[in-house]
Protein backbone atom coordinates (compact mmCIF):
# COMPACT_ATOMS: atom_id res chain seq x y z
CA MET A 1 151.77 131.75 148.13
CA SER A 2 150.46 134.96 149.64
CA ASN A 3 147.29 136.38 151.02
CA TYR A 4 145.98 139.71 149.81
CA THR A 5 147.02 142.68 151.94
CA GLN A 6 145.48 146.07 151.19
CA VAL A 7 148.09 148.60 150.06
CA THR A 8 146.06 151.84 150.22
CA ASP A 9 143.39 152.66 152.81
CA PHE A 10 140.94 154.60 150.68
CA SER A 11 138.45 155.21 153.53
CA VAL A 12 140.76 157.72 155.30
CA LYS A 13 140.46 159.99 152.27
CA ASP A 14 136.74 160.41 153.03
CA ASN A 15 137.56 162.44 156.15
CA LEU A 16 139.90 164.89 154.39
CA ALA A 17 138.67 168.38 153.53
CA SER A 18 137.47 169.07 150.06
CA GLY A 19 140.32 170.39 147.93
CA ASP A 20 142.98 168.51 149.95
CA ALA A 21 145.41 166.95 147.44
CA ALA A 22 145.58 163.72 149.51
CA LYS A 23 141.81 163.28 149.03
CA VAL A 24 142.35 162.50 145.35
CA ILE A 25 142.61 158.84 144.38
CA LYS A 26 145.47 158.51 141.93
CA GLY A 27 145.79 155.94 139.20
CA SER A 28 149.03 154.73 140.83
CA ASP A 29 147.05 153.96 144.04
CA ILE A 30 144.57 151.85 142.06
CA ASP A 31 147.40 150.16 140.12
CA ALA A 32 149.20 149.23 143.35
CA GLU A 33 145.98 147.76 144.80
CA LEU A 34 145.19 145.76 141.65
CA SER A 35 148.77 144.47 141.53
CA ALA A 36 148.53 143.25 145.15
CA ILE A 37 145.21 141.49 144.39
CA SER A 38 146.62 139.93 141.21
CA THR A 39 149.72 138.61 143.03
CA ALA A 40 147.62 137.09 145.81
CA ILE A 41 145.33 135.33 143.31
CA ALA A 42 148.20 134.01 141.19
CA THR A 43 150.15 132.59 144.12
CA LYS A 44 147.30 131.26 146.24
CA GLN A 45 147.25 127.44 146.24
CA GLU A 46 143.89 125.68 146.04
CA GLY A 47 142.93 123.35 148.85
CA GLY A 48 144.83 125.20 151.54
CA ASP A 49 142.19 124.08 154.05
CA VAL A 50 143.32 120.41 154.00
CA PRO A 51 146.16 119.82 156.44
CA SER A 52 149.36 118.20 155.19
CA GLY A 53 149.40 114.42 155.73
CA SER A 54 145.60 114.06 155.51
CA ALA A 55 144.43 111.02 153.54
CA MET A 56 141.60 111.09 151.02
CA VAL A 57 139.99 108.68 148.54
CA PHE A 58 139.87 109.71 144.87
CA PHE A 59 137.97 108.07 142.01
CA GLN A 60 140.68 108.65 139.40
CA THR A 61 143.93 107.11 138.13
CA ALA A 62 146.56 109.48 139.50
CA ALA A 63 146.92 111.72 142.54
CA PRO A 64 145.86 115.34 142.01
CA THR A 65 148.42 118.14 142.19
CA GLY A 66 149.57 118.63 145.77
CA TRP A 67 148.79 115.03 146.74
CA THR A 68 150.83 111.80 146.75
CA LYS A 69 149.34 108.43 145.85
CA SER A 70 149.66 105.88 148.70
CA THR A 71 150.41 102.31 147.56
CA ALA A 72 150.39 100.70 151.03
CA ASN A 73 146.87 99.28 150.55
CA ASN A 74 145.97 97.28 147.45
CA ASP A 75 143.08 94.89 146.59
CA LYS A 76 141.13 95.74 149.75
CA ALA A 77 137.55 96.82 150.41
CA LEU A 78 136.53 99.99 152.25
CA ARG A 79 134.84 99.43 155.62
CA VAL A 80 132.79 102.09 157.37
CA THR A 81 133.15 102.04 161.15
CA SER A 82 131.68 104.01 164.03
CA GLY A 83 134.89 103.38 165.98
CA ASP A 84 138.40 104.61 165.26
CA GLY A 85 139.30 105.05 161.60
CA GLY A 86 142.66 104.53 159.97
CA GLY A 87 142.98 100.84 160.83
CA THR A 88 143.23 97.80 158.57
CA GLY A 89 142.32 94.15 158.98
CA GLY A 90 141.51 90.86 157.32
CA SER A 91 143.82 88.38 155.65
CA VAL A 92 142.21 87.57 152.28
CA ALA A 93 142.53 89.88 149.27
CA PHE A 94 139.27 91.36 147.91
CA GLU A 95 139.48 89.58 144.52
CA THR A 96 140.26 86.25 146.19
CA ALA A 97 137.40 86.50 148.69
CA PHE A 98 134.86 87.46 146.06
CA ALA A 99 135.96 85.15 143.24
CA SER A 100 133.53 82.50 141.97
CA GLN A 101 133.75 79.47 144.27
CA SER A 102 132.84 75.85 143.44
CA VAL A 103 130.68 73.89 145.83
CA ALA A 104 131.46 70.18 146.35
CA GLY A 105 132.38 67.83 149.14
CA THR A 106 131.49 64.84 151.30
CA VAL A 107 129.36 64.88 154.40
CA GLY A 108 131.03 62.74 157.02
CA SER A 109 131.67 59.03 157.13
CA THR A 110 129.20 57.67 159.65
CA THR A 111 128.86 54.07 160.85
CA LEU A 112 125.30 53.55 162.03
CA THR A 113 124.76 51.83 165.37
CA THR A 114 121.89 49.41 165.97
CA SER A 115 119.96 52.13 167.79
CA GLN A 116 120.28 54.39 164.74
CA ILE A 117 118.75 51.84 162.35
CA PRO A 118 114.95 52.21 162.13
CA ALA A 119 112.92 49.47 163.81
CA HIS A 120 112.00 46.77 161.29
CA ASN A 121 110.99 43.09 160.99
CA HIS A 122 112.18 40.24 158.80
CA ASP A 123 109.86 37.46 157.61
CA ILE A 124 111.47 34.03 157.94
CA ARG A 125 110.34 30.97 155.91
CA GLY A 126 111.72 27.46 155.83
CA PRO A 127 113.16 24.93 158.25
CA THR A 128 114.06 25.82 161.81
CA VAL A 129 115.92 29.01 161.93
CA ALA A 130 117.42 30.74 164.93
CA SER A 131 117.90 34.48 165.03
CA GLY A 132 119.09 35.87 168.31
CA SER A 133 116.64 34.66 170.96
CA ALA A 134 113.87 33.85 168.43
CA GLN A 135 113.52 30.39 166.89
CA PHE A 136 111.18 29.27 164.14
CA SER A 137 110.42 25.70 163.05
CA ALA A 138 109.61 24.22 159.61
CA GLY A 139 105.96 24.10 160.54
CA ASN A 140 105.84 27.86 160.56
CA THR A 141 105.33 29.42 157.19
CA SER A 142 106.37 32.79 158.45
CA GLY A 143 107.46 34.47 161.61
CA THR A 144 108.89 37.65 162.97
CA ALA A 145 112.39 37.83 164.37
CA SER A 146 112.53 39.82 167.57
CA ALA A 147 116.28 40.37 167.80
CA ASN A 148 117.27 42.12 164.58
CA GLU A 149 120.71 43.61 164.23
CA GLY A 150 121.96 46.21 161.73
CA GLY A 151 124.83 45.75 159.33
CA GLY A 152 127.01 48.44 160.92
CA GLY A 153 128.40 49.58 157.56
CA SER A 154 129.76 53.06 156.95
CA HIS A 155 128.25 55.38 154.33
CA ASN A 156 128.77 58.86 152.90
CA HIS A 157 126.60 61.54 151.39
CA SER A 158 128.38 63.52 148.71
CA PHE A 159 127.07 66.76 147.30
CA THR A 160 127.77 69.16 144.49
CA GLY A 161 126.09 72.36 143.55
CA THR A 162 126.16 75.41 141.37
CA ALA A 163 129.19 77.66 141.85
CA ILE A 164 128.64 80.56 144.22
CA ASP A 165 129.40 83.70 142.25
CA LEU A 166 130.56 86.40 144.65
CA ASP A 167 132.35 88.46 141.99
CA VAL A 168 130.63 91.67 143.11
CA GLN A 169 130.83 94.87 141.12
CA TYR A 170 133.20 97.51 142.42
CA ILE A 171 134.91 100.76 141.54
CA ASN A 172 138.63 101.34 141.89
CA VAL A 173 139.67 104.27 144.04
CA ILE A 174 143.08 105.46 145.17
CA ILE A 175 144.14 106.78 148.54
CA CYS A 176 146.30 109.91 148.49
CA THR A 177 147.92 111.96 151.21
CA LYS A 178 148.17 115.73 151.17
CA ASP A 179 151.72 116.99 150.52
């Protein structure tokens, strides 16, 4: 790899007196200059502005010439940050996190207390009946108990739903480092 370096300084010939043999531009001078230009073009490597070890993302299968594909990161998303770059994080692979997930389960197992049961009355008919501190005789055709108690049983609420489809569209890119 070489940069072009001028072989002949043609501008100095402008200051020579007319008729001076050195003022003449020879074909060999032009050939030497064209050869130097040709060599520089043929040996100049593209991308010389990217420092060795720099990492870049490419939307293609293989690393371009002069680059090496990095395989340290696989099945991860790209995150843009205003802080320091070059870090990694998370513990769940991209495809796992965004796979279709079923929704099902049970909401608690709760035993209701008396205070959690809505206030309510019970009609009582028949012979004398005692309920807590209330007592009703056969002469009563109906009455209202004042000391109601709840059953205290446990219950569940189960649920199911449509699967959550988080299988988002993506493009595969590779990370390569400059040789």
